[in-house]
PDB file of all heavy atoms in Angstrom:
ATOM      1  N   LEU A   1     -19.371   8.002 -13.619  1.00  0.00           N
ATOM      2  CA  LEU A   1     -20.660   7.462 -13.053  1.00  0.00           C
ATOM      3  C   LEU A   1     -20.473   5.991 -12.687  1.00  0.00           C
ATOM      4  O   LEU A   1     -20.938   5.521 -11.625  1.00  0.00           O
ATOM      5  CB  LEU A   1     -21.764   7.578 -14.096  1.00  0.00           C
ATOM      6  CG  LEU A   1     -23.190   7.251 -13.520  1.00  0.00           C
ATOM      7  CD1 LEU A   1     -23.570   8.167 -12.354  1.00  0.00           C
ATOM      8  CD2 LEU A   1     -24.271   7.451 -14.629  1.00  0.00           C
ATOM      9  N   LEU A   2     -19.685   5.304 -13.542  1.00  0.00           N
ATOM     10  CA  LEU A   2     -19.458   3.905 -13.189  1.00  0.00           C
ATOM     11  C   LEU A   2     -18.625   3.768 -11.895  1.00  0.00           C
ATOM     12  O   LEU A   2     -18.782   2.892 -11.091  1.00  0.00           O
ATOM     13  CB  LEU A   2     -18.637   3.219 -14.314  1.00  0.00           C
ATOM     14  CG  LEU A   2     -19.511   2.886 -15.586  1.00  0.00           C
ATOM     15  CD1 LEU A   2     -18.636   2.317 -16.657  1.00  0.00           C
ATOM     16  CD2 LEU A   2     -20.592   1.919 -15.271  1.00  0.00           C
ATOM     17  N   LEU A   3     -17.702   4.695 -11.697  1.00  0.00           N
ATOM     18  CA  LEU A   3     -16.888   4.712 -10.463  1.00  0.00           C
ATOM     19  C   LEU A   3     -17.811   4.952  -9.241  1.00  0.00           C
ATOM     20  O   LEU A   3     -17.577   4.460  -8.150  1.00  0.00           O
ATOM     21  CB  LEU A   3     -15.752   5.728 -10.488  1.00  0.00           C
ATOM     22  CG  LEU A   3     -14.600   5.367 -11.528  1.00  0.00           C
ATOM     23  CD1 LEU A   3     -13.585   6.477 -11.500  1.00  0.00           C
ATOM     24  CD2 LEU A   3     -13.913   4.041 -11.018  1.00  0.00           C
ATOM     25  N   VAL A   4     -18.725   5.889  -9.333  1.00  0.00           N
ATOM     26  CA  VAL A   4     -19.683   6.118  -8.311  1.00  0.00           C
ATOM     27  C   VAL A   4     -20.468   4.881  -7.984  1.00  0.00           C
ATOM     28  O   VAL A   4     -20.623   4.464  -6.772  1.00  0.00           O
ATOM     29  CB  VAL A   4     -20.613   7.220  -8.631  1.00  0.00           C
ATOM     30  CG1 VAL A   4     -21.830   7.320  -7.640  1.00  0.00           C
ATOM     31  CG2 VAL A   4     -19.962   8.592  -8.653  1.00  0.00           C
ATOM     32  N   TRP A   5     -20.950   4.162  -9.000  1.00  0.00           N
ATOM     33  CA  TRP A   5     -21.721   2.947  -8.829  1.00  0.00           C
ATOM     34  C   TRP A   5     -20.823   1.835  -8.184  1.00  0.00           C
ATOM     35  O   TRP A   5     -21.247   0.949  -7.527  1.00  0.00           O
ATOM     36  CB  TRP A   5     -22.379   2.489 -10.065  1.00  0.00           C
ATOM     37  CG  TRP A   5     -23.517   3.423 -10.531  1.00  0.00           C
ATOM     38  CD1 TRP A   5     -23.686   3.893 -11.749  1.00  0.00           C
ATOM     39  CD2 TRP A   5     -24.674   3.863  -9.788  1.00  0.00           C
ATOM     40  NE1 TRP A   5     -24.889   4.682 -11.735  1.00  0.00           N
ATOM     41  CE2 TRP A   5     -25.400   4.732 -10.568  1.00  0.00           C
ATOM     42  CE3 TRP A   5     -24.978   3.753  -8.403  1.00  0.00           C
ATOM     43  CZ2 TRP A   5     -26.610   5.264 -10.118  1.00  0.00           C
ATOM     44  CZ3 TRP A   5     -26.102   4.395  -7.934  1.00  0.00           C
ATOM     45  CH2 TRP A   5     -26.922   5.173  -8.815  1.00  0.00           C
ATOM     46  N   SER A   6     -19.483   1.833  -8.640  1.00  0.00           N
ATOM     47  CA  SER A   6     -18.531   0.874  -8.046  1.00  0.00           C
ATOM     48  C   SER A   6     -18.464   1.066  -6.583  1.00  0.00           C
ATOM     49  O   SER A   6     -18.481   0.103  -5.783  1.00  0.00           O
ATOM     50  CB  SER A   6     -17.237   1.031  -8.739  1.00  0.00           C
ATOM     51  OG  SER A   6     -17.329   0.769 -10.103  1.00  0.00           O
ATOM     52  N   THR A   7     -18.298   2.261  -6.171  1.00  0.00           N
ATOM     53  CA  THR A   7     -18.164   2.562  -4.764  1.00  0.00           C
ATOM     54  C   THR A   7     -19.496   2.241  -3.988  1.00  0.00           C
ATOM     55  O   THR A   7     -19.490   1.770  -2.920  1.00  0.00           O
ATOM     56  CB  THR A   7     -17.755   4.036  -4.519  1.00  0.00           C
ATOM     57  OG1 THR A   7     -16.685   4.381  -5.391  1.00  0.00           O
ATOM     58  CG2 THR A   7     -17.450   4.283  -3.059  1.00  0.00           C
ATOM     59  N   PHE A   8     -20.528   2.584  -4.677  1.00  0.00           N
ATOM     60  CA  PHE A   8     -21.937   2.180  -4.132  1.00  0.00           C
ATOM     61  C   PHE A   8     -21.969   0.675  -3.878  1.00  0.00           C
ATOM     62  O   PHE A   8     -22.431   0.183  -2.948  1.00  0.00           O
ATOM     63  CB  PHE A   8     -23.008   2.599  -5.119  1.00  0.00           C
ATOM     64  CG  PHE A   8     -24.440   2.468  -4.715  1.00  0.00           C
ATOM     65  CD1 PHE A   8     -24.932   3.277  -3.732  1.00  0.00           C
ATOM     66  CD2 PHE A   8     -25.261   1.492  -5.148  1.00  0.00           C
ATOM     67  CE1 PHE A   8     -26.249   3.101  -3.279  1.00  0.00           C
ATOM     68  CE2 PHE A   8     -26.573   1.311  -4.764  1.00  0.00           C
ATOM     69  CZ  PHE A   8     -27.020   2.101  -3.795  1.00  0.00           C
ATOM     70  N   ALA A   9     -21.488  -0.066  -4.864  1.00  0.00           N
ATOM     71  CA  ALA A   9     -21.424  -1.569  -4.762  1.00  0.00           C
ATOM     72  C   ALA A   9     -20.539  -2.066  -3.620  1.00  0.00           C
ATOM     73  O   ALA A   9     -20.829  -3.108  -3.049  1.00  0.00           O
ATOM     74  CB  ALA A   9     -21.047  -2.203  -6.075  1.00  0.00           C
ATOM     75  N   VAL A  10     -19.437  -1.299  -3.297  1.00  0.00           N
ATOM     76  CA  VAL A  10     -18.572  -1.723  -2.225  1.00  0.00           C
ATOM     77  C   VAL A  10     -19.364  -1.815  -0.947  1.00  0.00           C
ATOM     78  O   VAL A  10     -19.147  -2.839  -0.196  1.00  0.00           O
ATOM     79  CB  VAL A  10     -17.423  -0.701  -2.109  1.00  0.00           C
ATOM     80  CG1 VAL A  10     -16.730  -0.958  -0.809  1.00  0.00           C
ATOM     81  CG2 VAL A  10     -16.476  -0.822  -3.290  1.00  0.00           C
ATOM     82  N   GLY A  11     -20.246  -0.928  -0.673  1.00  0.00           N
ATOM     83  CA  GLY A  11     -21.060  -1.010   0.573  1.00  0.00           C
ATOM     84  C   GLY A  11     -21.898  -2.237   0.558  1.00  0.00           C
ATOM     85  O   GLY A  11     -21.929  -2.904   1.646  1.00  0.00           O
ATOM     86  N   PHE A  12     -22.424  -2.568  -0.561  1.00  0.00           N
ATOM     87  CA  PHE A  12     -23.206  -3.907  -0.661  1.00  0.00           C
ATOM     88  C   PHE A  12     -22.398  -5.028  -0.515  1.00  0.00           C
ATOM     89  O   PHE A  12     -22.819  -6.042   0.059  1.00  0.00           O
ATOM     90  CB  PHE A  12     -23.940  -3.885  -1.984  1.00  0.00           C
ATOM     91  CG  PHE A  12     -25.196  -3.008  -2.045  1.00  0.00           C
ATOM     92  CD1 PHE A  12     -25.136  -1.637  -2.384  1.00  0.00           C
ATOM     93  CD2 PHE A  12     -26.414  -3.431  -1.657  1.00  0.00           C
ATOM     94  CE1 PHE A  12     -26.111  -0.825  -2.438  1.00  0.00           C
ATOM     95  CE2 PHE A  12     -27.520  -2.625  -1.653  1.00  0.00           C
ATOM     96  CZ  PHE A  12     -27.464  -1.372  -2.049  1.00  0.00           C
ATOM     97  N   ALA A  13     -21.094  -4.982  -0.988  1.00  0.00           N
ATOM     98  CA  ALA A  13     -20.274  -6.166  -0.977  1.00  0.00           C
ATOM     99  C   ALA A  13     -19.972  -6.566   0.521  1.00  0.00           C
ATOM    100  O   ALA A  13     -19.790  -7.717   0.875  1.00  0.00           O
ATOM    101  CB  ALA A  13     -19.023  -5.884  -1.708  1.00  0.00           C
ATOM    102  N   PHE A  14     -19.975  -5.539   1.418  1.00  0.00           N
ATOM    103  CA  PHE A  14     -19.688  -5.845   2.783  1.00  0.00           C
ATOM    104  C   PHE A  14     -20.926  -6.132   3.633  1.00  0.00           C
ATOM    105  O   PHE A  14     -20.793  -6.396   4.826  1.00  0.00           O
ATOM    106  CB  PHE A  14     -18.842  -4.694   3.385  1.00  0.00           C
ATOM    107  CG  PHE A  14     -17.420  -4.765   3.056  1.00  0.00           C
ATOM    108  CD1 PHE A  14     -16.942  -4.380   1.858  1.00  0.00           C
ATOM    109  CD2 PHE A  14     -16.535  -5.317   3.970  1.00  0.00           C
ATOM    110  CE1 PHE A  14     -15.625  -4.343   1.537  1.00  0.00           C
ATOM    111  CE2 PHE A  14     -15.180  -5.377   3.657  1.00  0.00           C
ATOM    112  CZ  PHE A  14     -14.659  -4.913   2.509  1.00  0.00           C
ATOM    113  N   ARG A  15     -22.089  -6.003   3.022  1.00  0.00           N
ATOM    114  CA  ARG A  15     -23.283  -6.343   3.762  1.00  0.00           C
ATOM    115  C   ARG A  15     -23.346  -7.796   4.231  1.00  0.00           C
ATOM    116  O   ARG A  15     -23.722  -8.061   5.407  1.00  0.00           O
ATOM    117  CB  ARG A  15     -24.549  -6.023   2.884  1.00  0.00           C
ATOM    118  CG  ARG A  15     -24.912  -4.580   2.907  1.00  0.00           C
ATOM    119  CD  ARG A  15     -26.057  -4.376   1.939  1.00  0.00           C
ATOM    120  NE  ARG A  15     -27.234  -4.948   2.305  1.00  0.00           N
ATOM    121  CZ  ARG A  15     -28.421  -4.859   1.576  1.00  0.00           C
ATOM    122  NH1 ARG A  15     -28.509  -3.963   0.571  1.00  0.00           N
ATOM    123  NH2 ARG A  15     -29.507  -5.442   2.019  1.00  0.00           N
ATOM    124  N   PRO A  16     -22.855  -8.821   3.518  1.00  0.00           N
ATOM    125  CA  PRO A  16     -22.895 -10.160   4.013  1.00  0.00           C
ATOM    126  C   PRO A  16     -22.001 -10.345   5.256  1.00  0.00           C
ATOM    127  O   PRO A  16     -22.321 -11.081   6.165  1.00  0.00           O
ATOM    128  CB  PRO A  16     -22.413 -11.043   2.854  1.00  0.00           C
ATOM    129  CG  PRO A  16     -22.777 -10.251   1.576  1.00  0.00           C
ATOM    130  CD  PRO A  16     -22.568  -8.783   2.084  1.00  0.00           C
ATOM    131  N   ILE A  17     -20.857  -9.653   5.234  1.00  0.00           N
ATOM    132  CA  ILE A  17     -19.971  -9.688   6.408  1.00  0.00           C
ATOM    133  C   ILE A  17     -20.675  -9.072   7.556  1.00  0.00           C
ATOM    134  O   ILE A  17     -20.541  -9.623   8.737  1.00  0.00           O
ATOM    135  CB  ILE A  17     -18.599  -8.954   6.084  1.00  0.00           C
ATOM    136  CG1 ILE A  17     -17.924  -9.615   4.957  1.00  0.00           C
ATOM    137  CG2 ILE A  17     -17.722  -8.931   7.327  1.00  0.00           C
ATOM    138  CD1 ILE A  17     -16.695  -8.978   4.469  1.00  0.00           C
ATOM    139  N   GLY A  18     -21.334  -7.879   7.414  1.00  0.00           N
ATOM    140  CA  GLY A  18     -22.098  -7.341   8.474  1.00  0.00           C
ATOM    141  C   GLY A  18     -23.183  -8.260   8.942  1.00  0.00           C
ATOM    142  O   GLY A  18     -23.503  -8.314  10.237  1.00  0.00           O
ATOM    143  N   ALA A  19     -23.797  -9.056   8.055  1.00  0.00           N
ATOM    144  CA  ALA A  19     -24.850  -9.923   8.392  1.00  0.00           C
ATOM    145  C   ALA A  19     -24.351 -11.049   9.271  1.00  0.00           C
ATOM    146  O   ALA A  19     -24.949 -11.497  10.258  1.00  0.00           O
ATOM    147  CB  ALA A  19     -25.505 -10.551   7.130  1.00  0.00           C
ATOM    148  N   ILE A  20     -23.073 -11.527   8.914  1.00  0.00           N
ATOM    149  CA  ILE A  20     -22.468 -12.575   9.792  1.00  0.00           C
ATOM    150  C   ILE A  20     -22.119 -12.094  11.065  1.00  0.00           C
ATOM    151  O   ILE A  20     -22.355 -12.694  12.207  1.00  0.00           O
ATOM    152  CB  ILE A  20     -21.209 -13.125   9.056  1.00  0.00           C
ATOM    153  CG1 ILE A  20     -21.630 -13.843   7.691  1.00  0.00           C
ATOM    154  CG2 ILE A  20     -20.442 -14.094  10.023  1.00  0.00           C
ATOM    155  CD1 ILE A  20     -20.440 -14.279   6.881  1.00  0.00           C
ATOM    156  N   LEU A  21     -21.536 -10.847  11.201  1.00  0.00           N
ATOM    157  CA  LEU A  21     -21.070 -10.318  12.400  1.00  0.00           C
ATOM    158  C   LEU A  21     -22.222 -10.025  13.347  1.00  0.00           C
ATOM    159  O   LEU A  21     -22.340 -10.435  14.528  1.00  0.00           O
ATOM    160  CB  LEU A  21     -20.231  -8.977  12.174  1.00  0.00           C
ATOM    161  CG  LEU A  21     -19.859  -8.210  13.359  1.00  0.00           C
ATOM    162  CD1 LEU A  21     -18.972  -9.009  14.346  1.00  0.00           C
ATOM    163  CD2 LEU A  21     -19.157  -6.925  12.880  1.00  0.00           C
ATOM    164  N   PHE A  22     -23.140  -9.206  12.790  1.00  0.00           N
ATOM    165  CA  PHE A  22     -24.254  -8.741  13.644  1.00  0.00           C
ATOM    166  C   PHE A  22     -25.347  -9.791  13.881  1.00  0.00           C
ATOM    167  O   PHE A  22     -26.028  -9.793  14.778  1.00  0.00           O
ATOM    168  CB  PHE A  22     -24.865  -7.474  13.086  1.00  0.00           C
ATOM    169  CG  PHE A  22     -23.905  -6.274  13.216  1.00  0.00           C
ATOM    170  CD1 PHE A  22     -23.358  -5.698  12.050  1.00  0.00           C
ATOM    171  CD2 PHE A  22     -23.548  -5.765  14.437  1.00  0.00           C
ATOM    172  CE1 PHE A  22     -22.451  -4.632  12.106  1.00  0.00           C
ATOM    173  CE2 PHE A  22     -22.736  -4.681  14.475  1.00  0.00           C
ATOM    174  CZ  PHE A  22     -22.183  -4.122  13.369  1.00  0.00           C
ATOM    175  N   GLY A  23     -25.445 -10.713  12.871  1.00  0.00           N
ATOM    176  CA  GLY A  23     -26.313 -11.772  13.077  1.00  0.00           C
ATOM    177  C   GLY A  23     -25.823 -12.699  14.253  1.00  0.00           C
ATOM    178  O   GLY A  23     -26.674 -13.163  15.111  1.00  0.00           O
ATOM    179  N   PHE A  24     -24.528 -12.917  14.304  1.00  0.00           N
ATOM    180  CA  PHE A  24     -23.988 -13.614  15.510  1.00  0.00           C
ATOM    181  C   PHE A  24     -24.297 -12.940  16.752  1.00  0.00           C
ATOM    182  O   PHE A  24     -24.754 -13.521  17.768  1.00  0.00           O
ATOM    183  CB  PHE A  24     -22.413 -13.690  15.308  1.00  0.00           C
ATOM    184  CG  PHE A  24     -21.640 -14.503  16.365  1.00  0.00           C
ATOM    185  CD1 PHE A  24     -21.442 -15.825  16.177  1.00  0.00           C
ATOM    186  CD2 PHE A  24     -21.323 -13.895  17.547  1.00  0.00           C
ATOM    187  CE1 PHE A  24     -20.829 -16.566  17.132  1.00  0.00           C
ATOM    188  CE2 PHE A  24     -20.663 -14.611  18.587  1.00  0.00           C
ATOM    189  CZ  PHE A  24     -20.402 -16.002  18.321  1.00  0.00           C
ATOM    190  N   LEU A  25     -24.082 -11.590  16.892  1.00  0.00           N
ATOM    191  CA  LEU A  25     -24.341 -10.809  18.059  1.00  0.00           C
ATOM    192  C   LEU A  25     -25.900 -10.783  18.329  1.00  0.00           C
ATOM    193  O   LEU A  25     -26.288 -10.920  19.505  1.00  0.00           O
ATOM    194  CB  LEU A  25     -23.864  -9.414  17.871  1.00  0.00           C
ATOM    195  CG  LEU A  25     -22.395  -9.182  17.715  1.00  0.00           C
ATOM    196  CD1 LEU A  25     -22.022  -7.762  17.482  1.00  0.00           C
ATOM    197  CD2 LEU A  25     -21.589  -9.731  18.893  1.00  0.00           C
ATOM    198  N   GLY A  26     -26.731 -10.707  17.299  1.00  0.00           N
ATOM    199  CA  GLY A  26     -28.158 -10.670  17.520  1.00  0.00           C
ATOM    200  C   GLY A  26     -28.651 -12.031  18.059  1.00  0.00           C
ATOM    201  O   GLY A  26     -29.583 -11.946  18.909  1.00  0.00           O
ATOM    202  N   ASP A  27     -28.113 -13.183  17.738  1.00  0.00           N
ATOM    203  CA  ASP A  27     -28.554 -14.436  18.205  1.00  0.00           C
ATOM    204  C   ASP A  27     -27.821 -14.681  19.604  1.00  0.00           C
ATOM    205  O   ASP A  27     -28.444 -15.555  20.365  1.00  0.00           O
ATOM    206  CB  ASP A  27     -28.212 -15.523  17.218  1.00  0.00           C
ATOM    207  CG  ASP A  27     -29.058 -15.537  16.011  1.00  0.00           C
ATOM    208  OD1 ASP A  27     -30.330 -15.233  16.260  1.00  0.00           O
ATOM    209  OD2 ASP A  27     -28.708 -15.934  14.907  1.00  0.00           O
ATOM    210  N   LYS A  28     -26.765 -14.039  19.965  1.00  0.00           N
ATOM    211  CA  LYS A  28     -26.074 -14.289  21.133  1.00  0.00           C
ATOM    212  C   LYS A  28     -26.505 -13.277  22.290  1.00  0.00           C
ATOM    213  O   LYS A  28     -26.808 -13.658  23.397  1.00  0.00           O
ATOM    214  CB  LYS A  28     -24.583 -14.200  20.914  1.00  0.00           C
ATOM    215  CG  LYS A  28     -23.996 -15.366  20.167  1.00  0.00           C
ATOM    216  CD  LYS A  28     -24.014 -16.644  20.980  1.00  0.00           C
ATOM    217  CE  LYS A  28     -22.923 -16.636  22.026  1.00  0.00           C
ATOM    218  NZ  LYS A  28     -22.755 -17.993  22.747  1.00  0.00           N
ATOM    219  N   LEU A  29     -26.568 -12.039  21.875  1.00  0.00           N
ATOM    220  CA  LEU A  29     -26.688 -10.923  22.863  1.00  0.00           C
ATOM    221  C   LEU A  29     -28.139 -10.298  22.731  1.00  0.00           C
ATOM    222  O   LEU A  29     -28.563  -9.619  23.840  1.00  0.00           O
ATOM    223  CB  LEU A  29     -25.723  -9.853  22.658  1.00  0.00           C
ATOM    224  CG  LEU A  29     -24.211 -10.215  22.628  1.00  0.00           C
ATOM    225  CD1 LEU A  29     -23.312  -9.040  22.356  1.00  0.00           C
ATOM    226  CD2 LEU A  29     -23.853 -10.915  23.930  1.00  0.00           C
ATOM    227  N   GLY A  30     -28.806 -10.500  21.748  1.00  0.00           N
ATOM    228  CA  GLY A  30     -30.175  -9.909  21.689  1.00  0.00           C
ATOM    229  C   GLY A  30     -30.390  -9.118  20.448  1.00  0.00           C
ATOM    230  O   GLY A  30     -29.471  -8.474  19.866  1.00  0.00           O
ATOM    231  N   ARG A  31     -31.719  -8.968  20.085  1.00  0.00           N
ATOM    232  CA  ARG A  31     -32.094  -8.191  18.856  1.00  0.00           C
ATOM    233  C   ARG A  31     -31.976  -6.676  19.093  1.00  0.00           C
ATOM    234  O   ARG A  31     -31.456  -5.956  18.202  1.00  0.00           O
ATOM    235  CB  ARG A  31     -33.573  -8.549  18.500  1.00  0.00           C
ATOM    236  CG  ARG A  31     -34.148  -9.864  18.577  1.00  0.00           C
ATOM    237  CD  ARG A  31     -33.201 -10.974  18.130  1.00  0.00           C
ATOM    238  NE  ARG A  31     -34.057 -12.276  17.979  1.00  0.00           N
ATOM    239  CZ  ARG A  31     -33.490 -13.428  17.748  1.00  0.00           C
ATOM    240  NH1 ARG A  31     -32.177 -13.575  17.709  1.00  0.00           N
ATOM    241  NH2 ARG A  31     -34.249 -14.509  17.646  1.00  0.00           N
ATOM    242  N   LYS A  32     -32.351  -6.132  20.234  1.00  0.00           N
ATOM    243  CA  LYS A  32     -32.444  -4.791  20.470  1.00  0.00           C
ATOM    244  C   LYS A  32     -31.101  -4.140  20.425  1.00  0.00           C
ATOM    245  O   LYS A  32     -30.893  -3.183  19.700  1.00  0.00           O
ATOM    246  CB  LYS A  32     -33.169  -4.516  21.788  1.00  0.00           C
ATOM    247  CG  LYS A  32     -33.114  -3.004  22.270  1.00  0.00           C
ATOM    248  CD  LYS A  32     -33.617  -2.808  23.619  1.00  0.00           C
ATOM    249  CE  LYS A  32     -33.422  -1.402  24.118  1.00  0.00           C
ATOM    250  NZ  LYS A  32     -33.877  -1.132  25.456  1.00  0.00           N
ATOM    251  N   TYR A  33     -30.141  -4.645  21.228  1.00  0.00           N
ATOM    252  CA  TYR A  33     -28.849  -3.827  21.295  1.00  0.00           C
ATOM    253  C   TYR A  33     -28.046  -3.947  20.050  1.00  0.00           C
ATOM    254  O   TYR A  33     -27.247  -3.133  19.802  1.00  0.00           O
ATOM    255  CB  TYR A  33     -28.081  -4.358  22.621  1.00  0.00           C
ATOM    256  CG  TYR A  33     -28.822  -3.970  23.840  1.00  0.00           C
ATOM    257  CD1 TYR A  33     -29.524  -4.952  24.643  1.00  0.00           C
ATOM    258  CD2 TYR A  33     -28.774  -2.676  24.271  1.00  0.00           C
ATOM    259  CE1 TYR A  33     -30.149  -4.543  25.752  1.00  0.00           C
ATOM    260  CE2 TYR A  33     -29.539  -2.265  25.451  1.00  0.00           C
ATOM    261  CZ  TYR A  33     -30.185  -3.199  26.167  1.00  0.00           C
ATOM    262  OH  TYR A  33     -30.847  -2.815  27.311  1.00  0.00           O
ATOM    263  N   THR A  34     -28.282  -5.118  19.332  1.00  0.00           N
ATOM    264  CA  THR A  34     -27.545  -5.202  18.119  1.00  0.00           C
ATOM    265  C   THR A  34     -27.925  -4.163  17.064  1.00  0.00           C
ATOM    266  O   THR A  34     -27.077  -3.532  16.470  1.00  0.00           O
ATOM    267  CB  THR A  34     -27.745  -6.684  17.514  1.00  0.00           C
ATOM    268  OG1 THR A  34     -27.310  -7.624  18.455  1.00  0.00           O
ATOM    269  CG2 THR A  34     -26.965  -6.828  16.237  1.00  0.00           C
ATOM    270  N   PHE A  35     -29.245  -3.909  16.949  1.00  0.00           N
ATOM    271  CA  PHE A  35     -29.576  -2.892  15.932  1.00  0.00           C
ATOM    272  C   PHE A  35     -29.444  -1.473  16.496  1.00  0.00           C
ATOM    273  O   PHE A  35     -29.539  -0.595  15.742  1.00  0.00           O
ATOM    274  CB  PHE A  35     -30.877  -3.144  15.209  1.00  0.00           C
ATOM    275  CG  PHE A  35     -32.191  -3.078  15.894  1.00  0.00           C
ATOM    276  CD1 PHE A  35     -32.371  -2.260  17.018  1.00  0.00           C
ATOM    277  CD2 PHE A  35     -33.275  -3.929  15.504  1.00  0.00           C
ATOM    278  CE1 PHE A  35     -33.612  -2.187  17.588  1.00  0.00           C
ATOM    279  CE2 PHE A  35     -34.484  -3.950  16.176  1.00  0.00           C
ATOM    280  CZ  PHE A  35     -34.577  -2.962  17.186  1.00  0.00           C
ATOM    281  N   LEU A  36     -29.217  -1.258  17.733  1.00  0.00           N
ATOM    282  CA  LEU A  36     -28.711   0.044  18.295  1.00  0.00           C
ATOM    283  C   LEU A  36     -27.278   0.267  17.755  1.00  0.00           C
ATOM    284  O   LEU A  36     -26.938   1.400  17.354  1.00  0.00           O
ATOM    285  CB  LEU A  36     -28.829   0.059  19.777  1.00  0.00           C
ATOM    286  CG  LEU A  36     -30.119   0.211  20.477  1.00  0.00           C
ATOM    287  CD1 LEU A  36     -29.923   0.046  21.953  1.00  0.00           C
ATOM    288  CD2 LEU A  36     -30.702   1.549  20.065  1.00  0.00           C
ATOM    289  N   VAL A  37     -26.374  -0.694  17.736  1.00  0.00           N
ATOM    290  CA  VAL A  37     -25.058  -0.590  17.275  1.00  0.00           C
ATOM    291  C   VAL A  37     -25.044  -0.296  15.779  1.00  0.00           C
ATOM    292  O   VAL A  37     -24.366   0.567  15.324  1.00  0.00           O
ATOM    293  CB  VAL A  37     -24.209  -1.826  17.575  1.00  0.00           C
ATOM    294  CG1 VAL A  37     -22.886  -1.740  16.984  1.00  0.00           C
ATOM    295  CG2 VAL A  37     -24.072  -2.069  19.034  1.00  0.00           C
ATOM    296  N   THR A  38     -25.952  -1.025  15.003  1.00  0.00           N
ATOM    297  CA  THR A  38     -25.888  -0.868  13.531  1.00  0.00           C
ATOM    298  C   THR A  38     -26.329   0.540  13.118  1.00  0.00           C
ATOM    299  O   THR A  38     -25.715   1.158  12.229  1.00  0.00           O
ATOM    300  CB  THR A  38     -26.769  -1.931  12.886  1.00  0.00           C
ATOM    301  OG1 THR A  38     -28.163  -1.727  13.227  1.00  0.00           O
ATOM    302  CG2 THR A  38     -26.316  -3.346  13.204  1.00  0.00           C
ATOM    303  N   VAL A  39     -27.341   1.063  13.777  1.00  0.00           N
ATOM    304  CA  VAL A  39     -27.819   2.393  13.364  1.00  0.00           C
ATOM    305  C   VAL A  39     -26.830   3.423  13.759  1.00  0.00           C
ATOM    306  O   VAL A  39     -26.581   4.473  13.111  1.00  0.00           O
ATOM    307  CB  VAL A  39     -29.224   2.657  13.971  1.00  0.00           C
ATOM    308  CG1 VAL A  39     -29.176   3.000  15.498  1.00  0.00           C
ATOM    309  CG2 VAL A  39     -29.909   3.804  13.222  1.00  0.00           C
ATOM    310  N   THR A  40     -26.130   3.205  14.878  1.00  0.00           N
ATOM    311  CA  THR A  40     -25.050   4.241  15.267  1.00  0.00           C
ATOM    312  C   THR A  40     -23.891   4.227  14.343  1.00  0.00           C
ATOM    313  O   THR A  40     -23.369   5.300  13.837  1.00  0.00           O
ATOM    314  CB  THR A  40     -24.576   3.816  16.701  1.00  0.00           C
ATOM    315  OG1 THR A  40     -25.567   3.896  17.620  1.00  0.00           O
ATOM    316  CG2 THR A  40     -23.416   4.817  17.151  1.00  0.00           C
ATOM    317  N   LEU A  41     -23.444   3.034  13.926  1.00  0.00           N
ATOM    318  CA  LEU A  41     -22.319   2.910  12.939  1.00  0.00           C
ATOM    319  C   LEU A  41     -22.756   3.548  11.546  1.00  0.00           C
ATOM    320  O   LEU A  41     -21.998   4.303  10.983  1.00  0.00           O
ATOM    321  CB  LEU A  41     -21.984   1.445  12.768  1.00  0.00           C
ATOM    322  CG  LEU A  41     -20.842   1.150  11.752  1.00  0.00           C
ATOM    323  CD1 LEU A  41     -19.594   1.792  12.218  1.00  0.00           C
ATOM    324  CD2 LEU A  41     -20.618  -0.379  11.673  1.00  0.00           C
ATOM    325  N   MET A  42     -23.993   3.345  11.123  1.00  0.00           N
ATOM    326  CA  MET A  42     -24.422   3.929   9.904  1.00  0.00           C
ATOM    327  C   MET A  42     -24.470   5.382   9.905  1.00  0.00           C
ATOM    328  O   MET A  42     -23.999   6.100   9.006  1.00  0.00           O
ATOM    329  CB  MET A  42     -25.763   3.311   9.548  1.00  0.00           C
ATOM    330  CG  MET A  42     -26.384   3.909   8.227  1.00  0.00           C
ATOM    331  SD  MET A  42     -25.532   3.469   6.780  1.00  0.00           S
ATOM    332  CE  MET A  42     -26.203   1.929   6.401  1.00  0.00           C
ATOM    333  N   GLY A  43     -24.992   6.032  10.985  1.00  0.00           N
ATOM    334  CA  GLY A  43     -25.174   7.375  11.112  1.00  0.00           C
ATOM    335  C   GLY A  43     -23.800   8.112  11.136  1.00  0.00           C
ATOM    336  O   GLY A  43     -23.593   9.170  10.434  1.00  0.00           O
ATOM    337  N   ILE A  44     -22.855   7.628  11.847  1.00  0.00           N
ATOM    338  CA  ILE A  44     -21.467   8.174  11.887  1.00  0.00           C
ATOM    339  C   ILE A  44     -20.790   8.077  10.618  1.00  0.00           C
ATOM    340  O   ILE A  44     -20.181   9.082  10.076  1.00  0.00           O
ATOM    341  CB  ILE A  44     -20.708   7.515  12.990  1.00  0.00           C
ATOM    342  CG1 ILE A  44     -21.256   7.838  14.438  1.00  0.00           C
ATOM    343  CG2 ILE A  44     -19.183   7.990  12.981  1.00  0.00           C
ATOM    344  CD1 ILE A  44     -20.593   7.067  15.497  1.00  0.00           C
ATOM    345  N   ALA A  45     -20.840   6.951   9.913  1.00  0.00           N
ATOM    346  CA  ALA A  45     -20.192   6.820   8.608  1.00  0.00           C
ATOM    347  C   ALA A  45     -20.808   7.731   7.570  1.00  0.00           C
ATOM    348  O   ALA A  45     -20.068   8.299   6.721  1.00  0.00           O
ATOM    349  CB  ALA A  45     -20.311   5.359   8.121  1.00  0.00           C
ATOM    350  N   THR A  46     -22.141   7.882   7.639  1.00  0.00           N
ATOM    351  CA  THR A  46     -22.723   8.773   6.566  1.00  0.00           C
ATOM    352  C   THR A  46     -22.374  10.225   6.814  1.00  0.00           C
ATOM    353  O   THR A  46     -22.039  10.942   5.808  1.00  0.00           O
ATOM    354  CB  THR A  46     -24.302   8.630   6.639  1.00  0.00           C
ATOM    355  OG1 THR A  46     -24.659   7.259   6.485  1.00  0.00           O
ATOM    356  CG2 THR A  46     -24.992   9.494   5.635  1.00  0.00           C
ATOM    357  N   ALA A  47     -22.376  10.661   8.048  1.00  0.00           N
ATOM    358  CA  ALA A  47     -21.895  12.062   8.314  1.00  0.00           C
ATOM    359  C   ALA A  47     -20.504  12.316   7.863  1.00  0.00           C
ATOM    360  O   ALA A  47     -20.113  13.308   7.333  1.00  0.00           O
ATOM    361  CB  ALA A  47     -22.053  12.370   9.752  1.00  0.00           C
TER     362      ALA A  47
END
């Protein structure tokens, strides 16, 4: 169970990096297209 929660935490550990990357794109390219990319990446990874 601790290993499951460790892997769960790995996703959270990379959230700040995603915030920097997509925050940069959101402020440069726009709000709409940035969160189109994020939802696509999430759906593919989950499947």
